[in-house]
Amino acid sequence: MIRGNYSLAKEVRKSEQKSKLKIQSRQKHQSKLEQLSSTDPIRVFLQIEKLENITGPDQFQQKKLAKLRQDWSFIRKNKLQEEKVNSFLANRKKAQDAKEKEQRKLRGKDSVYFNPELNPLGKVPDINNVTYDCDCLPNIAKPSKVTQMYEQDELVLHYNIRPPKGSPPKFYKNVQNTQRR
């Protein structure tokens, strides 16, 4: 029931080629497994992140990025150094969440809105009240610790004006935000 040009030699060659391809793919997988088990997965991840952040990558960088992504997916798929990778990713996510939370965090009593010297009316600024063009400013969670030293005024030195004794005033006498209109 053999039809057409059937050749036993062709069939044998095909089966031999299939078995060779299977062996080669198994060897390729094994060599890649050995190679990537000795590499540092954190370094691979950081290199991927670094190459993704480049604005105008050239062909070499794109090829390297594609290879690193394949390596990373192979590492994740075959669970190479799984504990190290999972702990790194968990720490990375935790740090990123903490950073986002810090960005959203209001400063509470340290905020300028609670300072009666900087905001005597105690009102939150509204975008409709701003007369100039304003870009979105970041929410600075911690006040800057930079202190500036200024020169003494020549007139103060000339007239020998001395500040009054005691601590400088911190609050206005009339608290403005408690009165109703």
N, C-alpha and C. Protein backbone atom coordinates (compact mmCIF):
# COMPACT_ATOMS: atom_id res chain seq x y z
N MET A 1 0.80 -1.19 0.00
CA MET A 1 0.00 0.00 0.00
C MET A 1 0.85 1.26 0.00
N ILE A 2 2.01 1.14 -0.43
CA ILE A 2 2.89 2.29 -0.52
C ILE A 2 2.62 2.98 -1.84
N ARG A 3 2.37 4.28 -1.73
CA ARG A 3 2.10 5.05 -2.94
C ARG A 3 3.27 5.95 -3.25
N GLY A 4 3.43 6.28 -4.47
CA GLY A 4 4.41 7.27 -4.88
C GLY A 4 5.83 6.81 -4.66
N ASN A 5 6.69 7.77 -4.54
CA ASN A 5 8.11 7.50 -4.39
C ASN A 5 8.47 7.35 -2.92
N TYR A 6 8.29 6.19 -2.40
CA TYR A 6 8.64 5.94 -1.01
C TYR A 6 10.05 5.39 -0.97
N SER A 7 10.84 6.00 -0.09
CA SER A 7 12.21 5.55 0.03
C SER A 7 12.48 5.27 1.51
N LEU A 8 12.91 4.07 1.76
CA LEU A 8 13.23 3.67 3.12
C LEU A 8 14.43 4.46 3.64
N ALA A 9 15.37 4.75 2.77
CA ALA A 9 16.56 5.51 3.17
C ALA A 9 16.18 6.92 3.62
N LYS A 10 15.23 7.54 2.88
CA LYS A 10 14.75 8.88 3.27
C LYS A 10 14.11 8.84 4.65
N GLU A 11 13.30 7.84 4.86
CA GLU A 11 12.60 7.70 6.14
C GLU A 11 13.60 7.52 7.29
N VAL A 12 14.61 6.72 7.08
CA VAL A 12 15.63 6.49 8.10
C VAL A 12 16.39 7.78 8.37
N ARG A 13 16.78 8.50 7.27
CA ARG A 13 17.48 9.78 7.43
C ARG A 13 16.64 10.78 8.22
N LYS A 14 15.35 10.83 7.91
CA LYS A 14 14.44 11.75 8.63
C LYS A 14 14.40 11.42 10.12
N SER A 15 14.25 10.17 10.45
CA SER A 15 14.17 9.79 11.86
C SER A 15 15.50 10.06 12.57
N GLU A 16 16.63 9.81 11.86
CA GLU A 16 17.93 10.12 12.45
C GLU A 16 18.08 11.62 12.69
N GLN A 17 17.62 12.41 11.72
CA GLN A 17 17.72 13.87 11.86
C GLN A 17 16.85 14.36 13.02
N LYS A 18 15.66 13.79 13.17
CA LYS A 18 14.80 14.16 14.29
C LYS A 18 15.48 13.84 15.62
N SER A 19 16.06 12.67 15.71
CA SER A 19 16.72 12.30 16.97
C SER A 19 17.92 13.20 17.24
N LYS A 20 18.67 13.56 16.17
CA LYS A 20 19.80 14.48 16.34
C LYS A 20 19.32 15.84 16.83
N LEU A 21 18.22 16.34 16.25
CA LEU A 21 17.67 17.63 16.66
C LEU A 21 17.22 17.59 18.12
N LYS A 22 16.61 16.48 18.53
CA LYS A 22 16.20 16.35 19.93
C LYS A 22 17.42 16.38 20.85
N ILE A 23 18.45 15.64 20.46
CA ILE A 23 19.67 15.61 21.28
C ILE A 23 20.30 17.00 21.34
N GLN A 24 20.36 17.68 20.18
CA GLN A 24 20.96 19.02 20.15
C GLN A 24 20.16 20.01 21.00
N SER A 25 18.83 19.95 20.91
CA SER A 25 18.02 20.88 21.71
C SER A 25 18.18 20.59 23.21
N ARG A 26 18.27 19.29 23.57
CA ARG A 26 18.49 18.93 24.96
C ARG A 26 19.86 19.42 25.44
N GLN A 27 20.89 19.27 24.59
CA GLN A 27 22.23 19.75 24.94
C GLN A 27 22.25 21.27 25.06
N LYS A 28 21.55 21.94 24.14
CA LYS A 28 21.49 23.41 24.18
C LYS A 28 20.82 23.87 25.48
N HIS A 29 19.71 23.21 25.83
CA HIS A 29 19.00 23.55 27.06
C HIS A 29 19.89 23.31 28.28
N GLN A 30 20.61 22.18 28.27
CA GLN A 30 21.48 21.85 29.40
C GLN A 30 22.63 22.85 29.53
N SER A 31 23.22 23.24 28.40
CA SER A 31 24.34 24.20 28.47
C SER A 31 23.85 25.57 28.95
N LYS A 32 22.66 25.96 28.48
CA LYS A 32 22.10 27.24 28.93
C LYS A 32 21.77 27.17 30.42
N LEU A 33 21.27 26.03 30.86
CA LEU A 33 20.97 25.84 32.28
C LEU A 33 22.23 25.96 33.12
N GLU A 34 23.32 25.33 32.68
CA GLU A 34 24.58 25.42 33.41
C GLU A 34 25.13 26.84 33.41
N GLN A 35 25.04 27.49 32.25
CA GLN A 35 25.57 28.85 32.13
C GLN A 35 24.81 29.82 33.03
N LEU A 36 23.47 29.77 33.01
CA LEU A 36 22.67 30.72 33.77
C LEU A 36 22.60 30.37 35.26
N SER A 37 22.87 29.13 35.61
CA SER A 37 22.88 28.80 37.04
C SER A 37 24.10 29.40 37.72
N SER A 38 25.15 29.66 36.93
CA SER A 38 26.35 30.27 37.52
C SER A 38 26.34 31.80 37.46
N THR A 39 25.43 32.39 36.66
CA THR A 39 25.36 33.85 36.59
C THR A 39 24.49 34.40 37.72
N ASP A 40 24.69 35.67 38.00
CA ASP A 40 23.94 36.34 39.06
C ASP A 40 22.63 36.87 38.47
N PRO A 41 21.47 36.36 38.90
CA PRO A 41 20.20 36.81 38.32
C PRO A 41 19.88 38.27 38.66
N ILE A 42 20.37 38.75 39.80
CA ILE A 42 20.13 40.15 40.17
C ILE A 42 20.85 41.07 39.20
N ARG A 43 22.05 40.67 38.83
CA ARG A 43 22.82 41.47 37.86
C ARG A 43 22.10 41.50 36.51
N VAL A 44 21.56 40.35 36.10
CA VAL A 44 20.81 40.29 34.83
C VAL A 44 19.62 41.24 34.89
N PHE A 45 18.88 41.20 36.00
CA PHE A 45 17.71 42.06 36.15
C PHE A 45 18.09 43.54 36.10
N LEU A 46 19.17 43.90 36.81
CA LEU A 46 19.60 45.30 36.83
C LEU A 46 20.10 45.76 35.47
N GLN A 47 20.76 44.86 34.72
CA GLN A 47 21.19 45.21 33.37
C GLN A 47 20.00 45.44 32.46
N ILE A 48 18.97 44.61 32.60
CA ILE A 48 17.75 44.80 31.80
C ILE A 48 17.13 46.15 32.12
N GLU A 49 17.03 46.46 33.40
CA GLU A 49 16.44 47.74 33.81
C GLU A 49 17.25 48.92 33.28
N LYS A 50 18.57 48.80 33.34
CA LYS A 50 19.44 49.87 32.86
C LYS A 50 19.27 50.08 31.35
N LEU A 51 19.21 48.98 30.59
CA LEU A 51 19.05 49.10 29.14
C LEU A 51 17.66 49.60 28.76
N GLU A 52 16.65 49.27 29.56
CA GLU A 52 15.30 49.77 29.27
C GLU A 52 15.20 51.27 29.49
N ASN A 53 16.01 51.81 30.41
CA ASN A 53 15.95 53.24 30.71
C ASN A 53 16.73 54.09 29.72
N ILE A 54 17.49 53.48 28.83
CA ILE A 54 18.23 54.24 27.82
C ILE A 54 17.24 54.79 26.80
N THR A 55 17.36 56.08 26.49
CA THR A 55 16.39 56.72 25.60
C THR A 55 16.56 56.31 24.14
N GLY A 56 17.78 56.32 23.62
CA GLY A 56 17.99 55.97 22.22
C GLY A 56 18.96 54.82 22.07
N PRO A 57 18.50 53.58 22.31
CA PRO A 57 19.43 52.46 22.23
C PRO A 57 19.80 52.14 20.78
N ASP A 58 21.05 51.73 20.56
CA ASP A 58 21.46 51.33 19.23
C ASP A 58 21.17 49.84 19.04
N GLN A 59 21.56 49.30 17.87
CA GLN A 59 21.24 47.91 17.56
C GLN A 59 21.89 46.94 18.54
N PHE A 60 23.14 47.21 18.89
CA PHE A 60 23.86 46.33 19.81
C PHE A 60 23.14 46.26 21.15
N GLN A 61 22.71 47.41 21.65
CA GLN A 61 22.03 47.45 22.95
C GLN A 61 20.67 46.75 22.86
N GLN A 62 19.99 46.89 21.73
CA GLN A 62 18.70 46.21 21.57
C GLN A 62 18.87 44.69 21.55
N LYS A 63 19.92 44.23 20.85
CA LYS A 63 20.18 42.78 20.81
C LYS A 63 20.53 42.26 22.21
N LYS A 64 21.36 43.03 22.90
CA LYS A 64 21.75 42.63 24.26
C LYS A 64 20.54 42.60 25.18
N LEU A 65 19.64 43.59 25.03
CA LEU A 65 18.43 43.63 25.84
C LEU A 65 17.55 42.42 25.55
N ALA A 66 17.40 42.07 24.26
CA ALA A 66 16.59 40.91 23.90
C ALA A 66 17.19 39.63 24.50
N LYS A 67 18.52 39.49 24.43
CA LYS A 67 19.18 38.30 24.98
C LYS A 67 19.01 38.24 26.50
N LEU A 68 19.16 39.39 27.16
CA LEU A 68 19.00 39.42 28.62
C LEU A 68 17.57 39.09 29.02
N ARG A 69 16.60 39.57 28.25
CA ARG A 69 15.20 39.23 28.55
C ARG A 69 14.96 37.73 28.40
N GLN A 70 15.55 37.14 27.35
CA GLN A 70 15.41 35.68 27.19
C GLN A 70 16.04 34.96 28.37
N ASP A 71 17.22 35.41 28.78
CA ASP A 71 17.89 34.80 29.93
C ASP A 71 17.04 34.94 31.19
N TRP A 72 16.45 36.12 31.39
CA TRP A 72 15.62 36.35 32.58
C TRP A 72 14.39 35.45 32.57
N SER A 73 13.75 35.33 31.40
CA SER A 73 12.57 34.45 31.33
C SER A 73 12.98 32.99 31.55
N PHE A 74 14.16 32.60 31.06
CA PHE A 74 14.66 31.24 31.28
C PHE A 74 14.92 31.01 32.77
N ILE A 75 15.51 32.01 33.43
CA ILE A 75 15.78 31.89 34.87
C ILE A 75 14.48 31.75 35.65
N ARG A 76 13.49 32.56 35.30
CA ARG A 76 12.20 32.50 36.00
C ARG A 76 11.46 31.18 35.70
N LYS A 77 11.52 30.75 34.43
CA LYS A 77 10.80 29.54 34.03
C LYS A 77 11.38 28.30 34.71
N ASN A 78 12.70 28.20 34.75
CA ASN A 78 13.35 27.02 35.31
C ASN A 78 13.66 27.16 36.80
N LYS A 79 13.24 28.29 37.39
CA LYS A 79 13.39 28.53 38.83
C LYS A 79 14.83 28.37 39.30
N LEU A 80 15.74 29.02 38.55
CA LEU A 80 17.15 29.00 38.93
C LEU A 80 17.37 30.02 40.04
N GLN A 81 18.03 29.61 41.09
CA GLN A 81 18.31 30.46 42.25
C GLN A 81 17.03 31.18 42.71
N GLU A 82 15.98 30.39 42.84
CA GLU A 82 14.64 30.92 43.10
C GLU A 82 14.55 31.74 44.39
N GLU A 83 15.18 31.28 45.45
CA GLU A 83 15.11 32.00 46.73
C GLU A 83 15.74 33.39 46.60
N LYS A 84 16.88 33.44 45.96
CA LYS A 84 17.59 34.71 45.79
C LYS A 84 16.77 35.68 44.94
N VAL A 85 16.20 35.18 43.85
CA VAL A 85 15.41 36.01 42.94
C VAL A 85 14.15 36.52 43.64
N ASN A 86 13.45 35.60 44.32
CA ASN A 86 12.20 36.01 44.99
C ASN A 86 12.45 37.01 46.11
N SER A 87 13.50 36.79 46.89
CA SER A 87 13.79 37.75 47.97
C SER A 87 14.19 39.11 47.39
N PHE A 88 14.96 39.10 46.30
CA PHE A 88 15.35 40.36 45.67
C PHE A 88 14.13 41.10 45.14
N LEU A 89 13.25 40.38 44.44
CA LEU A 89 12.05 41.03 43.88
C LEU A 89 11.12 41.53 44.98
N ALA A 90 11.01 40.76 46.08
CA ALA A 90 10.17 41.20 47.19
C ALA A 90 10.74 42.47 47.83
N ASN A 91 12.06 42.49 48.06
CA ASN A 91 12.69 43.69 48.62
C ASN A 91 12.55 44.88 47.68
N ARG A 92 12.69 44.60 46.40
CA ARG A 92 12.57 45.67 45.39
C ARG A 92 11.15 46.26 45.41
N LYS A 93 10.15 45.38 45.47
CA LYS A 93 8.76 45.84 45.49
C LYS A 93 8.47 46.60 46.78
N LYS A 94 9.01 46.11 47.90
CA LYS A 94 8.80 46.77 49.18
C LYS A 94 9.42 48.17 49.17
N ALA A 95 10.62 48.29 48.63
CA ALA A 95 11.29 49.60 48.56
C ALA A 95 10.53 50.55 47.64
N GLN A 96 10.02 50.02 46.54
CA GLN A 96 9.26 50.85 45.60
C GLN A 96 7.95 51.31 46.25
N ASP A 97 7.28 50.42 46.97
CA ASP A 97 6.05 50.80 47.66
C ASP A 97 6.32 51.86 48.73
N ALA A 98 7.43 51.69 49.46
CA ALA A 98 7.78 52.67 50.49
C ALA A 98 8.08 54.03 49.86
N LYS A 99 8.73 54.01 48.72
CA LYS A 99 9.05 55.27 48.02
C LYS A 99 7.77 55.97 47.55
N GLU A 100 6.84 55.19 46.99
CA GLU A 100 5.57 55.76 46.55
C GLU A 100 4.78 56.30 47.74
N LYS A 101 4.78 55.57 48.84
CA LYS A 101 4.07 56.01 50.04
C LYS A 101 4.67 57.30 50.57
N GLU A 102 6.00 57.39 50.53
CA GLU A 102 6.69 58.60 50.99
C GLU A 102 6.34 59.80 50.10
N GLN A 103 6.16 59.54 48.81
CA GLN A 103 5.78 60.62 47.90
C GLN A 103 4.36 61.12 48.18
N ARG A 104 3.46 60.20 48.54
CA ARG A 104 2.07 60.58 48.81
C ARG A 104 1.86 61.14 50.21
N LYS A 105 2.83 60.90 51.08
CA LYS A 105 2.68 61.24 52.48
C LYS A 105 2.64 62.76 52.69
N LEU A 106 1.71 63.19 53.51
CA LEU A 106 1.68 64.60 53.90
C LEU A 106 2.57 64.78 55.11
N ARG A 107 3.08 65.96 55.30
CA ARG A 107 4.07 66.17 56.35
C ARG A 107 3.46 66.47 57.70
N GLY A 108 2.16 66.52 57.80
CA GLY A 108 1.51 66.72 59.10
C GLY A 108 1.86 68.07 59.69
N LYS A 109 2.30 68.07 60.93
CA LYS A 109 2.62 69.32 61.63
C LYS A 109 3.82 70.05 61.02
N ASP A 110 4.64 69.34 60.24
CA ASP A 110 5.78 69.98 59.60
C ASP A 110 5.39 70.70 58.31
N SER A 111 4.16 70.52 57.87
CA SER A 111 3.72 71.13 56.62
C SER A 111 3.59 72.64 56.76
N VAL A 112 3.79 73.34 55.64
CA VAL A 112 3.66 74.80 55.67
C VAL A 112 2.22 75.21 55.92
N TYR A 113 1.26 74.32 55.68
CA TYR A 113 -0.13 74.67 55.90
C TYR A 113 -0.44 74.85 57.38
N PHE A 114 0.33 74.19 58.26
CA PHE A 114 0.11 74.30 59.69
C PHE A 114 0.97 75.39 60.33
N ASN A 115 1.85 75.98 59.57
CA ASN A 115 2.75 76.99 60.11
C ASN A 115 2.10 78.36 59.98
N PRO A 116 1.75 79.02 61.08
CA PRO A 116 1.04 80.29 61.00
C PRO A 116 1.90 81.43 60.45
N GLU A 117 3.21 81.28 60.47
CA GLU A 117 4.04 82.32 59.88
C GLU A 117 4.03 82.23 58.36
N LEU A 118 4.08 81.02 57.84
CA LEU A 118 4.12 80.84 56.40
C LEU A 118 2.73 80.87 55.77
N ASN A 119 1.72 80.48 56.53
CA ASN A 119 0.35 80.45 56.02
C ASN A 119 -0.57 81.03 57.09
N PRO A 120 -0.64 82.36 57.21
CA PRO A 120 -1.40 82.95 58.31
C PRO A 120 -2.90 82.68 58.24
N LEU A 121 -3.44 82.51 57.04
CA LEU A 121 -4.88 82.25 56.93
C LEU A 121 -5.22 80.77 57.11
N GLY A 122 -4.23 79.92 57.03
CA GLY A 122 -4.46 78.49 57.23
C GLY A 122 -5.23 77.85 56.10
N LYS A 123 -5.19 78.45 54.92
CA LYS A 123 -5.95 77.91 53.80
C LYS A 123 -5.02 77.15 52.86
N VAL A 124 -5.56 76.08 52.31
CA VAL A 124 -4.82 75.31 51.33
C VAL A 124 -4.84 76.08 50.01
N PRO A 125 -3.69 76.24 49.36
CA PRO A 125 -3.69 76.98 48.10
C PRO A 125 -4.52 76.28 47.04
N ASP A 126 -5.19 77.08 46.24
CA ASP A 126 -6.05 76.57 45.19
C ASP A 126 -5.44 76.93 43.85
N ILE A 127 -5.55 76.06 42.88
CA ILE A 127 -4.95 76.32 41.57
C ILE A 127 -5.61 77.52 40.89
N ASN A 128 -6.86 77.82 41.25
CA ASN A 128 -7.54 78.96 40.64
C ASN A 128 -6.98 80.29 41.14
N ASN A 129 -6.38 80.28 42.33
CA ASN A 129 -5.83 81.51 42.89
C ASN A 129 -4.44 81.83 42.38
N VAL A 130 -3.80 80.88 41.73
CA VAL A 130 -2.44 81.09 41.25
C VAL A 130 -2.49 81.90 39.96
N THR A 131 -1.75 83.00 39.92
CA THR A 131 -1.80 83.88 38.75
C THR A 131 -0.74 83.51 37.71
N TYR A 132 0.27 82.78 38.10
CA TYR A 132 1.33 82.43 37.15
C TYR A 132 1.23 80.96 36.77
N ASP A 133 1.90 80.59 35.68
CA ASP A 133 1.90 79.21 35.22
C ASP A 133 2.72 78.36 36.17
N CYS A 134 2.18 77.23 36.58
CA CYS A 134 2.85 76.40 37.59
C CYS A 134 2.87 74.95 37.12
N ASP A 135 4.06 74.38 37.07
CA ASP A 135 4.17 72.96 36.78
C ASP A 135 3.83 72.18 38.05
N CYS A 136 3.52 70.92 37.88
CA CYS A 136 3.21 70.08 39.04
C CYS A 136 4.48 69.89 39.86
N LEU A 137 4.44 70.31 41.09
CA LEU A 137 5.60 70.21 41.96
C LEU A 137 5.55 68.90 42.74
N PRO A 138 6.70 68.30 43.00
CA PRO A 138 6.70 67.05 43.76
C PRO A 138 6.34 67.31 45.22
N ASN A 139 5.73 66.31 45.84
CA ASN A 139 5.40 66.40 47.25
C ASN A 139 6.66 66.06 48.04
N ILE A 140 7.34 67.07 48.52
CA ILE A 140 8.58 66.83 49.25
C ILE A 140 8.20 66.39 50.66
N ALA A 141 8.54 65.16 50.97
CA ALA A 141 8.11 64.59 52.24
C ALA A 141 8.94 65.08 53.42
N LYS A 142 10.17 65.44 53.18
CA LYS A 142 11.02 65.87 54.27
C LYS A 142 11.51 67.28 53.97
N PRO A 143 11.45 68.18 54.93
CA PRO A 143 11.95 69.53 54.68
C PRO A 143 13.46 69.52 54.48
N SER A 144 13.92 70.39 53.62
CA SER A 144 15.36 70.44 53.38
C SER A 144 16.05 71.05 54.59
N LYS A 145 17.20 70.53 54.92
CA LYS A 145 17.93 70.95 56.11
C LYS A 145 18.94 72.06 55.78
N VAL A 146 18.82 72.65 54.60
CA VAL A 146 19.78 73.66 54.18
C VAL A 146 19.46 74.98 54.89
N THR A 147 20.42 75.50 55.61
CA THR A 147 20.26 76.81 56.24
C THR A 147 21.20 77.77 55.55
N GLN A 148 20.72 78.97 55.33
CA GLN A 148 21.54 79.96 54.65
C GLN A 148 21.99 81.02 55.64
N MET A 149 23.21 81.41 55.50
CA MET A 149 23.76 82.48 56.33
C MET A 149 23.79 83.75 55.48
N TYR A 150 23.23 84.81 56.02
CA TYR A 150 23.19 86.08 55.31
C TYR A 150 24.15 87.06 55.97
N GLU A 151 24.63 87.99 55.18
CA GLU A 151 25.50 89.04 55.72
C GLU A 151 24.66 89.99 56.56
N GLN A 152 25.31 90.61 57.52
CA GLN A 152 24.60 91.60 58.32
C GLN A 152 24.42 92.87 57.50
N ASP A 153 23.28 93.50 57.70
CA ASP A 153 22.98 94.73 56.97
C ASP A 153 23.91 95.85 57.46
N GLU A 154 24.41 96.61 56.50
CA GLU A 154 25.35 97.69 56.85
C GLU A 154 24.69 98.76 57.71
N LEU A 155 23.41 99.05 57.44
CA LEU A 155 22.71 100.08 58.22
C LEU A 155 22.54 99.63 59.68
N VAL A 156 22.26 98.36 59.87
CA VAL A 156 22.11 97.84 61.23
C VAL A 156 23.44 97.97 61.97
N LEU A 157 24.51 97.65 61.29
CA LEU A 157 25.83 97.78 61.91
C LEU A 157 26.17 99.25 62.16
N HIS A 158 25.81 100.11 61.19
CA HIS A 158 26.14 101.54 61.30
C HIS A 158 25.39 102.20 62.47
N TYR A 159 24.10 101.91 62.60
CA TYR A 159 23.30 102.53 63.66
C TYR A 159 23.34 101.75 64.98
N ASN A 160 24.06 100.64 64.97
CA ASN A 160 24.22 99.82 66.17
C ASN A 160 22.86 99.40 66.75
N ILE A 161 22.01 98.84 65.88
CA ILE A 161 20.68 98.37 66.30
C ILE A 161 20.83 96.98 66.88
N ARG A 162 20.29 96.79 68.08
CA ARG A 162 20.37 95.49 68.74
C ARG A 162 18.97 94.88 68.81
N PRO A 163 18.88 93.57 68.58
CA PRO A 163 17.56 92.93 68.69
C PRO A 163 17.12 92.88 70.14
N PRO A 164 15.81 92.84 70.38
CA PRO A 164 15.32 92.77 71.77
C PRO A 164 15.72 91.45 72.42
N LYS A 165 15.78 91.46 73.74
CA LYS A 165 16.15 90.26 74.48
C LYS A 165 15.02 89.24 74.41
N GLY A 166 15.36 87.99 74.51
CA GLY A 166 14.36 86.92 74.47
C GLY A 166 14.34 86.25 73.10
N SER A 167 13.48 85.27 72.99
CA SER A 167 13.41 84.53 71.72
C SER A 167 12.62 85.34 70.70
N PRO A 168 12.90 85.15 69.42
CA PRO A 168 12.16 85.88 68.39
C PRO A 168 10.70 85.42 68.35
N PRO A 169 9.78 86.26 67.92
CA PRO A 169 8.36 85.88 67.88
C PRO A 169 8.13 84.76 66.87
N LYS A 170 7.19 83.87 67.21
CA LYS A 170 6.90 82.75 66.33
C LYS A 170 5.49 82.82 65.76
N PHE A 171 4.58 83.53 66.41
CA PHE A 171 3.20 83.52 65.97
C PHE A 171 2.67 84.94 65.86
N TYR A 172 1.67 85.07 65.03
CA TYR A 172 0.99 86.36 64.94
C TYR A 172 0.13 86.53 66.19
N LYS A 173 -0.09 87.77 66.58
CA LYS A 173 -0.90 88.01 67.77
C LYS A 173 -2.35 87.61 67.53
N ASN A 174 -2.87 87.94 66.37
CA ASN A 174 -4.26 87.62 66.04
C ASN A 174 -4.25 86.38 65.14
N VAL A 175 -4.74 85.26 65.66
CA VAL A 175 -4.79 84.05 64.86
C VAL A 175 -5.88 84.24 63.82
N GLN A 176 -5.50 84.19 62.55
CA GLN A 176 -6.39 84.62 61.48
C GLN A 176 -7.43 83.57 61.08
N ASN A 177 -7.10 82.31 61.18
CA ASN A 177 -7.99 81.30 60.62
C ASN A 177 -9.12 80.88 61.55
N THR A 178 -9.27 81.51 62.73
CA THR A 178 -10.36 81.14 63.64
C THR A 178 -11.55 82.07 63.51
N GLN A 179 -11.37 83.23 62.90
CA GLN A 179 -12.47 84.18 62.78
C GLN A 179 -13.34 83.82 61.58
N ARG A 180 -14.64 84.03 61.73
CA ARG A 180 -15.56 83.76 60.63
C ARG A 180 -15.87 85.05 59.91
N ARG A 181 -16.21 84.92 58.69
CA ARG A 181 -16.54 86.10 57.88
C ARG A 181 -17.97 86.51 58.06
